[in-house]
Amino acid sequence: MTERVLYRSRRRISVVFAAHGAAVGAFATRIPWLQQHLGLSDSTLGLALLAPALGSFGAVPFTSAWFTASVTPVS
């Protein structure tokens, strides 16, 4: 890979990380409002926040197999 390709790749990854950080930060500030608005108890809110993480653990074997089959390694 050329240095220009590496630079562009790093820049794109940085933009994605920054956007994700902004989205998570904006969501985190809304959690108390959501809890009050939806009338959730602390335990229910905890389970609701834990559910996507548990779902991602279940999805990893399927997505990694799909990506491995569909992506050609670059050497």
PDB file of N, CA and C in Angstrom:
ATOM      1  N   MET A   1       0.825  -1.180   0.000  1.00  0.00           N
ATOM      2  CA  MET A   1       0.000   0.000   0.000  1.00  0.00           C
ATOM      3  C   MET A   1       0.871   1.246   0.000  1.00  0.00           C
ATOM      4  N   THR A   2       0.411   2.223  -0.689  1.00  0.00           N
ATOM      5  CA  THR A   2       1.160   3.474  -0.706  1.00  0.00           C
ATOM      6  C   THR A   2       0.841   4.292   0.544  1.00  0.00           C
ATOM      7  N   GLU A   3       1.672   5.260   0.805  1.00  0.00           N
ATOM      8  CA  GLU A   3       1.457   6.095   1.986  1.00  0.00           C
ATOM      9  C   GLU A   3       0.180   6.907   1.851  1.00  0.00           C
ATOM     10  N   ARG A   4      -0.166   7.290   0.643  1.00  0.00           N
ATOM     11  CA  ARG A   4      -1.395   8.065   0.438  1.00  0.00           C
ATOM     12  C   ARG A   4      -2.626   7.228   0.787  1.00  0.00           C
ATOM     13  N   VAL A   5      -2.624   5.972   0.393  1.00  0.00           N
ATOM     14  CA  VAL A   5      -3.753   5.087   0.709  1.00  0.00           C
ATOM     15  C   VAL A   5      -3.849   4.896   2.216  1.00  0.00           C
ATOM     16  N   LEU A   6      -2.734   4.690   2.877  1.00  0.00           N
ATOM     17  CA  LEU A   6      -2.736   4.536   4.325  1.00  0.00           C
ATOM     18  C   LEU A   6      -3.241   5.790   5.017  1.00  0.00           C
ATOM     19  N   TYR A   7      -2.820   6.945   4.551  1.00  0.00           N
ATOM     20  CA  TYR A   7      -3.265   8.210   5.131  1.00  0.00           C
ATOM     21  C   TYR A   7      -4.776   8.369   4.991  1.00  0.00           C
ATOM     22  N   ARG A   8      -5.292   8.095   3.798  1.00  0.00           N
ATOM     23  CA  ARG A   8      -6.730   8.210   3.575  1.00  0.00           C
ATOM     24  C   ARG A   8      -7.505   7.221   4.433  1.00  0.00           C
ATOM     25  N   SER A   9      -6.981   6.017   4.578  1.00  0.00           N
ATOM     26  CA  SER A   9      -7.650   5.012   5.404  1.00  0.00           C
ATOM     27  C   SER A   9      -7.684   5.448   6.865  1.00  0.00           C
ATOM     28  N   ARG A  10      -6.557   5.934   7.361  1.00  0.00           N
ATOM     29  CA  ARG A  10      -6.512   6.394   8.750  1.00  0.00           C
ATOM     30  C   ARG A  10      -7.466   7.564   8.970  1.00  0.00           C
ATOM     31  N   ARG A  11      -7.535   8.434   8.009  1.00  0.00           N
ATOM     32  CA  ARG A  11      -8.418   9.600   8.133  1.00  0.00           C
ATOM     33  C   ARG A  11      -9.880   9.167   8.173  1.00  0.00           C
ATOM     34  N   ARG A  12     -10.253   8.238   7.324  1.00  0.00           N
ATOM     35  CA  ARG A  12     -11.637   7.751   7.306  1.00  0.00           C
ATOM     36  C   ARG A  12     -11.991   7.043   8.604  1.00  0.00           C
ATOM     37  N   ILE A  13     -11.075   6.245   9.117  1.00  0.00           N
ATOM     38  CA  ILE A  13     -11.317   5.560  10.384  1.00  0.00           C
ATOM     39  C   ILE A  13     -11.461   6.564  11.514  1.00  0.00           C
ATOM     40  N   SER A  14     -10.648   7.601  11.507  1.00  0.00           N
ATOM     41  CA  SER A  14     -10.744   8.643  12.531  1.00  0.00           C
ATOM     42  C   SER A  14     -12.097   9.339  12.489  1.00  0.00           C
ATOM     43  N   VAL A  15     -12.606   9.599  11.293  1.00  0.00           N
ATOM     44  CA  VAL A  15     -13.913  10.241  11.151  1.00  0.00           C
ATOM     45  C   VAL A  15     -15.012   9.334  11.699  1.00  0.00           C
ATOM     46  N   VAL A  16     -14.928   8.040  11.404  1.00  0.00           N
ATOM     47  CA  VAL A  16     -15.929   7.098  11.904  1.00  0.00           C
ATOM     48  C   VAL A  16     -15.891   7.038  13.429  1.00  0.00           C
ATOM     49  N   PHE A  17     -14.697   6.962  14.019  1.00  0.00           N
ATOM     50  CA  PHE A  17     -14.588   6.933  15.472  1.00  0.00           C
ATOM     51  C   PHE A  17     -15.117   8.214  16.097  1.00  0.00           C
ATOM     52  N   ALA A  18     -14.842   9.357  15.498  1.00  0.00           N
ATOM     53  CA  ALA A  18     -15.333  10.622  16.031  1.00  0.00           C
ATOM     54  C   ALA A  18     -16.864  10.693  15.957  1.00  0.00           C
ATOM     55  N   ALA A  19     -17.430  10.256  14.850  1.00  0.00           N
ATOM     56  CA  ALA A  19     -18.890  10.265  14.711  1.00  0.00           C
ATOM     57  C   ALA A  19     -19.535   9.319  15.717  1.00  0.00           C
ATOM     58  N   HIS A  20     -18.941   8.150  15.891  1.00  0.00           N
ATOM     59  CA  HIS A  20     -19.481   7.197  16.860  1.00  0.00           C
ATOM     60  C   HIS A  20     -19.386   7.760  18.274  1.00  0.00           C
ATOM     61  N   GLY A  21     -18.278   8.381  18.599  1.00  0.00           N
ATOM     62  CA  GLY A  21     -18.121   8.987  19.920  1.00  0.00           C
ATOM     63  C   GLY A  21     -19.142  10.076  20.175  1.00  0.00           C
ATOM     64  N   ALA A  22     -19.414  10.894  19.165  1.00  0.00           N
ATOM     65  CA  ALA A  22     -20.415  11.956  19.308  1.00  0.00           C
ATOM     66  C   ALA A  22     -21.812  11.366  19.493  1.00  0.00           C
ATOM     67  N   ALA A  23     -22.117  10.322  18.754  1.00  0.00           N
ATOM     68  CA  ALA A  23     -23.441   9.701  18.873  1.00  0.00           C
ATOM     69  C   ALA A  23     -23.626   9.053  20.246  1.00  0.00           C
ATOM     70  N   VAL A  24     -22.620   8.330  20.709  1.00  0.00           N
ATOM     71  CA  VAL A  24     -22.712   7.688  22.026  1.00  0.00           C
ATOM     72  C   VAL A  24     -22.775   8.740  23.126  1.00  0.00           C
ATOM     73  N   GLY A  25     -22.000   9.797  22.990  1.00  0.00           N
ATOM     74  CA  GLY A  25     -22.032  10.872  23.979  1.00  0.00           C
ATOM     75  C   GLY A  25     -23.387  11.549  24.043  1.00  0.00           C
ATOM     76  N   ALA A  26     -23.981  11.785  22.896  1.00  0.00           N
ATOM     77  CA  ALA A  26     -25.307  12.404  22.863  1.00  0.00           C
ATOM     78  C   ALA A  26     -26.358  11.476  23.468  1.00  0.00           C
ATOM     79  N   PHE A  27     -26.242  10.192  23.193  1.00  0.00           N
ATOM     80  CA  PHE A  27     -27.191   9.221  23.761  1.00  0.00           C
ATOM     81  C   PHE A  27     -27.015   9.108  25.271  1.00  0.00           C
ATOM     82  N   ALA A  28     -25.783   9.090  25.739  1.00  0.00           N
ATOM     83  CA  ALA A  28     -25.517   8.923  27.171  1.00  0.00           C
ATOM     84  C   ALA A  28     -26.125  10.058  27.990  1.00  0.00           C
ATOM     85  N   THR A  29     -26.137  11.251  27.439  1.00  0.00           N
ATOM     86  CA  THR A  29     -26.732  12.365  28.178  1.00  0.00           C
ATOM     87  C   THR A  29     -28.251  12.270  28.236  1.00  0.00           C
ATOM     88  N   ARG A  30     -28.863  11.485  27.370  1.00  0.00           N
ATOM     89  CA  ARG A  30     -30.317  11.339  27.325  1.00  0.00           C
ATOM     90  C   ARG A  30     -30.838  10.158  28.158  1.00  0.00           C
ATOM     91  N   ILE A  31     -29.966   9.332  28.682  1.00  0.00           N
ATOM     92  CA  ILE A  31     -30.411   8.133  29.408  1.00  0.00           C
ATOM     93  C   ILE A  31     -31.317   8.477  30.592  1.00  0.00           C
ATOM     94  N   PRO A  32     -30.960   9.426  31.466  1.00  0.00           N
ATOM     95  CA  PRO A  32     -31.886   9.735  32.572  1.00  0.00           C
ATOM     96  C   PRO A  32     -33.253  10.231  32.082  1.00  0.00           C
ATOM     97  N   TRP A  33     -33.270  11.031  31.029  1.00  0.00           N
ATOM     98  CA  TRP A  33     -34.538  11.515  30.484  1.00  0.00           C
ATOM     99  C   TRP A  33     -35.359  10.350  29.948  1.00  0.00           C
ATOM    100  N   LEU A  34     -34.713   9.436  29.212  1.00  0.00           N
ATOM    101  CA  LEU A  34     -35.422   8.269  28.683  1.00  0.00           C
ATOM    102  C   LEU A  34     -35.993   7.413  29.799  1.00  0.00           C
ATOM    103  N   GLN A  35     -35.222   7.224  30.853  1.00  0.00           N
ATOM    104  CA  GLN A  35     -35.681   6.421  31.973  1.00  0.00           C
ATOM    105  C   GLN A  35     -36.931   7.041  32.596  1.00  0.00           C
ATOM    106  N   GLN A  36     -36.891   8.329  32.803  1.00  0.00           N
ATOM    107  CA  GLN A  36     -38.044   9.009  33.391  1.00  0.00           C
ATOM    108  C   GLN A  36     -39.226   9.033  32.422  1.00  0.00           C
ATOM    109  N   HIS A  37     -38.977   9.335  31.174  1.00  0.00           N
ATOM    110  CA  HIS A  37     -40.039   9.444  30.167  1.00  0.00           C
ATOM    111  C   HIS A  37     -40.750   8.111  29.953  1.00  0.00           C
ATOM    112  N   LEU A  38     -39.988   7.015  29.960  1.00  0.00           N
ATOM    113  CA  LEU A  38     -40.575   5.694  29.726  1.00  0.00           C
ATOM    114  C   LEU A  38     -41.007   4.998  31.015  1.00  0.00           C
ATOM    115  N   GLY A  39     -40.685   5.601  32.149  1.00  0.00           N
ATOM    116  CA  GLY A  39     -41.073   5.018  33.432  1.00  0.00           C
ATOM    117  C   GLY A  39     -40.359   3.720  33.746  1.00  0.00           C
ATOM    118  N   LEU A  40     -39.078   3.635  33.435  1.00  0.00           N
ATOM    119  CA  LEU A  40     -38.306   2.412  33.647  1.00  0.00           C
ATOM    120  C   LEU A  40     -37.653   2.419  35.025  1.00  0.00           C
ATOM    121  N   SER A  41     -37.620   1.244  35.650  1.00  0.00           N
ATOM    122  CA  SER A  41     -36.874   1.115  36.896  1.00  0.00           C
ATOM    123  C   SER A  41     -35.393   1.002  36.566  1.00  0.00           C
ATOM    124  N   ASP A  42     -34.558   1.090  37.584  1.00  0.00           N
ATOM    125  CA  ASP A  42     -33.114   0.976  37.349  1.00  0.00           C
ATOM    126  C   ASP A  42     -32.747  -0.380  36.758  1.00  0.00           C
ATOM    127  N   SER A  43     -33.374  -1.451  37.263  1.00  0.00           N
ATOM    128  CA  SER A  43     -33.036  -2.785  36.757  1.00  0.00           C
ATOM    129  C   SER A  43     -33.519  -2.976  35.312  1.00  0.00           C
ATOM    130  N   THR A  44     -34.689  -2.455  34.987  1.00  0.00           N
ATOM    131  CA  THR A  44     -35.198  -2.568  33.622  1.00  0.00           C
ATOM    132  C   THR A  44     -34.324  -1.776  32.649  1.00  0.00           C
ATOM    133  N   LEU A  45     -33.920  -0.592  33.065  1.00  0.00           N
ATOM    134  CA  LEU A  45     -33.035   0.206  32.224  1.00  0.00           C
ATOM    135  C   LEU A  45     -31.701  -0.507  32.023  1.00  0.00           C
ATOM    136  N   GLY A  46     -31.175  -1.101  33.076  1.00  0.00           N
ATOM    137  CA  GLY A  46     -29.922  -1.845  32.961  1.00  0.00           C
ATOM    138  C   GLY A  46     -30.026  -2.995  31.978  1.00  0.00           C
ATOM    139  N   LEU A  47     -31.136  -3.730  32.042  1.00  0.00           N
ATOM    140  CA  LEU A  47     -31.334  -4.829  31.093  1.00  0.00           C
ATOM    141  C   LEU A  47     -31.495  -4.316  29.665  1.00  0.00           C
ATOM    142  N   ALA A  48     -32.185  -3.204  29.518  1.00  0.00           N
ATOM    143  CA  ALA A  48     -32.364  -2.628  28.180  1.00  0.00           C
ATOM    144  C   ALA A  48     -31.031  -2.175  27.594  1.00  0.00           C
ATOM    145  N   LEU A  49     -30.140  -1.657  28.430  1.00  0.00           N
ATOM    146  CA  LEU A  49     -28.826  -1.238  27.937  1.00  0.00           C
ATOM    147  C   LEU A  49     -27.892  -2.421  27.707  1.00  0.00           C
ATOM    148  N   LEU A  50     -28.122  -3.515  28.409  1.00  0.00           N
ATOM    149  CA  LEU A  50     -27.285  -4.704  28.261  1.00  0.00           C
ATOM    150  C   LEU A  50     -27.683  -5.543  27.042  1.00  0.00           C
ATOM    151  N   ALA A  51     -28.936  -5.493  26.649  1.00  0.00           N
ATOM    152  CA  ALA A  51     -29.445  -6.348  25.571  1.00  0.00           C
ATOM    153  C   ALA A  51     -28.690  -6.199  24.242  1.00  0.00           C
ATOM    154  N   PRO A  52     -28.391  -4.988  23.756  1.00  0.00           N
ATOM    155  CA  PRO A  52     -27.649  -4.898  22.490  1.00  0.00           C
ATOM    156  C   PRO A  52     -26.247  -5.503  22.575  1.00  0.00           C
ATOM    157  N   ALA A  53     -25.603  -5.366  23.720  1.00  0.00           N
ATOM    158  CA  ALA A  53     -24.268  -5.965  23.869  1.00  0.00           C
ATOM    159  C   ALA A  53     -24.351  -7.487  23.810  1.00  0.00           C
ATOM    160  N   LEU A  54     -25.323  -8.055  24.480  1.00  0.00           N
ATOM    161  CA  LEU A  54     -25.490  -9.510  24.433  1.00  0.00           C
ATOM    162  C   LEU A  54     -25.858  -9.981  23.030  1.00  0.00           C
ATOM    163  N   GLY A  55     -26.684  -9.217  22.350  1.00  0.00           N
ATOM    164  CA  GLY A  55     -27.042  -9.567  20.973  1.00  0.00           C
ATOM    165  C   GLY A  55     -25.854  -9.543  20.036  1.00  0.00           C
ATOM    166  N   SER A  56     -24.935  -8.593  20.266  1.00  0.00           N
ATOM    167  CA  SER A  56     -23.752  -8.531  19.400  1.00  0.00           C
ATOM    168  C   SER A  56     -22.852  -9.739  19.618  1.00  0.00           C
ATOM    169  N   PHE A  57     -22.778 -10.228  20.852  1.00  0.00           N
ATOM    170  CA  PHE A  57     -21.994 -11.446  21.091  1.00  0.00           C
ATOM    171  C   PHE A  57     -22.572 -12.630  20.331  1.00  0.00           C
ATOM    172  N   GLY A  58     -23.872 -12.701  20.252  1.00  0.00           N
ATOM    173  CA  GLY A  58     -24.507 -13.779  19.509  1.00  0.00           C
ATOM    174  C   GLY A  58     -24.345 -13.640  18.007  1.00  0.00           C
ATOM    175  N   ALA A  59     -24.215 -12.418  17.521  1.00  0.00           N
ATOM    176  CA  ALA A  59     -24.123 -12.182  16.077  1.00  0.00           C
ATOM    177  C   ALA A  59     -22.705 -12.306  15.538  1.00  0.00           C
ATOM    178  N   VAL A  60     -21.701 -12.185  16.390  1.00  0.00           N
ATOM    179  CA  VAL A  60     -20.308 -12.190  15.930  1.00  0.00           C
ATOM    180  C   VAL A  60     -19.938 -13.451  15.146  1.00  0.00           C
ATOM    181  N   PRO A  61     -20.285 -14.651  15.601  1.00  0.00           N
ATOM    182  CA  PRO A  61     -19.899 -15.832  14.803  1.00  0.00           C
ATOM    183  C   PRO A  61     -20.467 -15.815  13.384  1.00  0.00           C
ATOM    184  N   PHE A  62     -21.683 -15.323  13.224  1.00  0.00           N
ATOM    185  CA  PHE A  62     -22.306 -15.298  11.897  1.00  0.00           C
ATOM    186  C   PHE A  62     -21.695 -14.222  11.006  1.00  0.00           C
ATOM    187  N   THR A  63     -21.468 -13.051  11.563  1.00  0.00           N
ATOM    188  CA  THR A  63     -20.916 -11.975  10.749  1.00  0.00           C
ATOM    189  C   THR A  63     -19.459 -12.218  10.415  1.00  0.00           C
ATOM    190  N   SER A  64     -18.704 -12.781  11.345  1.00  0.00           N
ATOM    191  CA  SER A  64     -17.295 -13.039  11.036  1.00  0.00           C
ATOM    192  C   SER A  64     -17.166 -14.107   9.957  1.00  0.00           C
ATOM    193  N   ALA A  65     -18.036 -15.101   9.978  1.00  0.00           N
ATOM    194  CA  ALA A  65     -18.004 -16.117   8.924  1.00  0.00           C
ATOM    195  C   ALA A  65     -18.381 -15.497   7.581  1.00  0.00           C
ATOM    196  N   TRP A  66     -19.348 -14.605   7.578  1.00  0.00           N
ATOM    197  CA  TRP A  66     -19.762 -13.956   6.339  1.00  0.00           C
ATOM    198  C   TRP A  66     -18.660 -13.058   5.794  1.00  0.00           C
ATOM    199  N   PHE A  67     -18.027 -12.262   6.667  1.00  0.00           N
ATOM    200  CA  PHE A  67     -16.962 -11.380   6.216  1.00  0.00           C
ATOM    201  C   PHE A  67     -15.751 -12.171   5.739  1.00  0.00           C
ATOM    202  N   THR A  68     -15.432 -13.257   6.401  1.00  0.00           N
ATOM    203  CA  THR A  68     -14.294 -14.071   5.997  1.00  0.00           C
ATOM    204  C   THR A  68     -14.511 -14.645   4.602  1.00  0.00           C
ATOM    205  N   ALA A  69     -15.736 -15.037   4.312  1.00  0.00           N
ATOM    206  CA  ALA A  69     -16.037 -15.623   3.006  1.00  0.00           C
ATOM    207  C   ALA A  69     -16.123 -14.567   1.908  1.00  0.00           C
ATOM    208  N   SER A  70     -16.511 -13.340   2.252  1.00  0.00           N
ATOM    209  CA  SER A  70     -16.767 -12.353   1.216  1.00  0.00           C
ATOM    210  C   SER A  70     -15.637 -11.342   0.994  1.00  0.00           C
ATOM    211  N   VAL A  71     -14.675 -11.308   1.897  1.00  0.00           N
ATOM    212  CA  VAL A  71     -13.594 -10.331   1.783  1.00  0.00           C
ATOM    213  C   VAL A  71     -12.297 -11.037   1.419  1.00  0.00           C
ATOM    214  N   THR A  72     -11.652 -10.549   0.388  1.00  0.00           N
ATOM    215  CA  THR A  72     -10.374 -11.108  -0.025  1.00  0.00           C
ATOM    216  C   THR A  72      -9.251 -10.419   0.736  1.00  0.00           C
ATOM    217  N   PRO A  73      -8.394 -11.187   1.384  1.00  0.00           N
ATOM    218  CA  PRO A  73      -7.309 -10.559   2.137  1.00  0.00           C
ATOM    219  C   PRO A  73      -6.332  -9.817   1.214  1.00  0.00           C
ATOM    220  N   VAL A  74      -5.834  -8.696   1.688  1.00  0.00           N
ATOM    221  CA  VAL A  74      -4.870  -7.907   0.940  1.00  0.00           C
ATOM    222  C   VAL A  74      -3.487  -8.234   1.479  1.00  0.00           C
ATOM    223  N   SER A  75      -2.578  -8.556   0.583  1.00  0.00           N
ATOM    224  CA  SER A  75      -1.222  -8.880   1.051  1.00  0.00           C
ATOM    225  C   SER A  75      -0.198  -7.954   0.435  1.00  0.00           C
TER     226      SER A  75
END
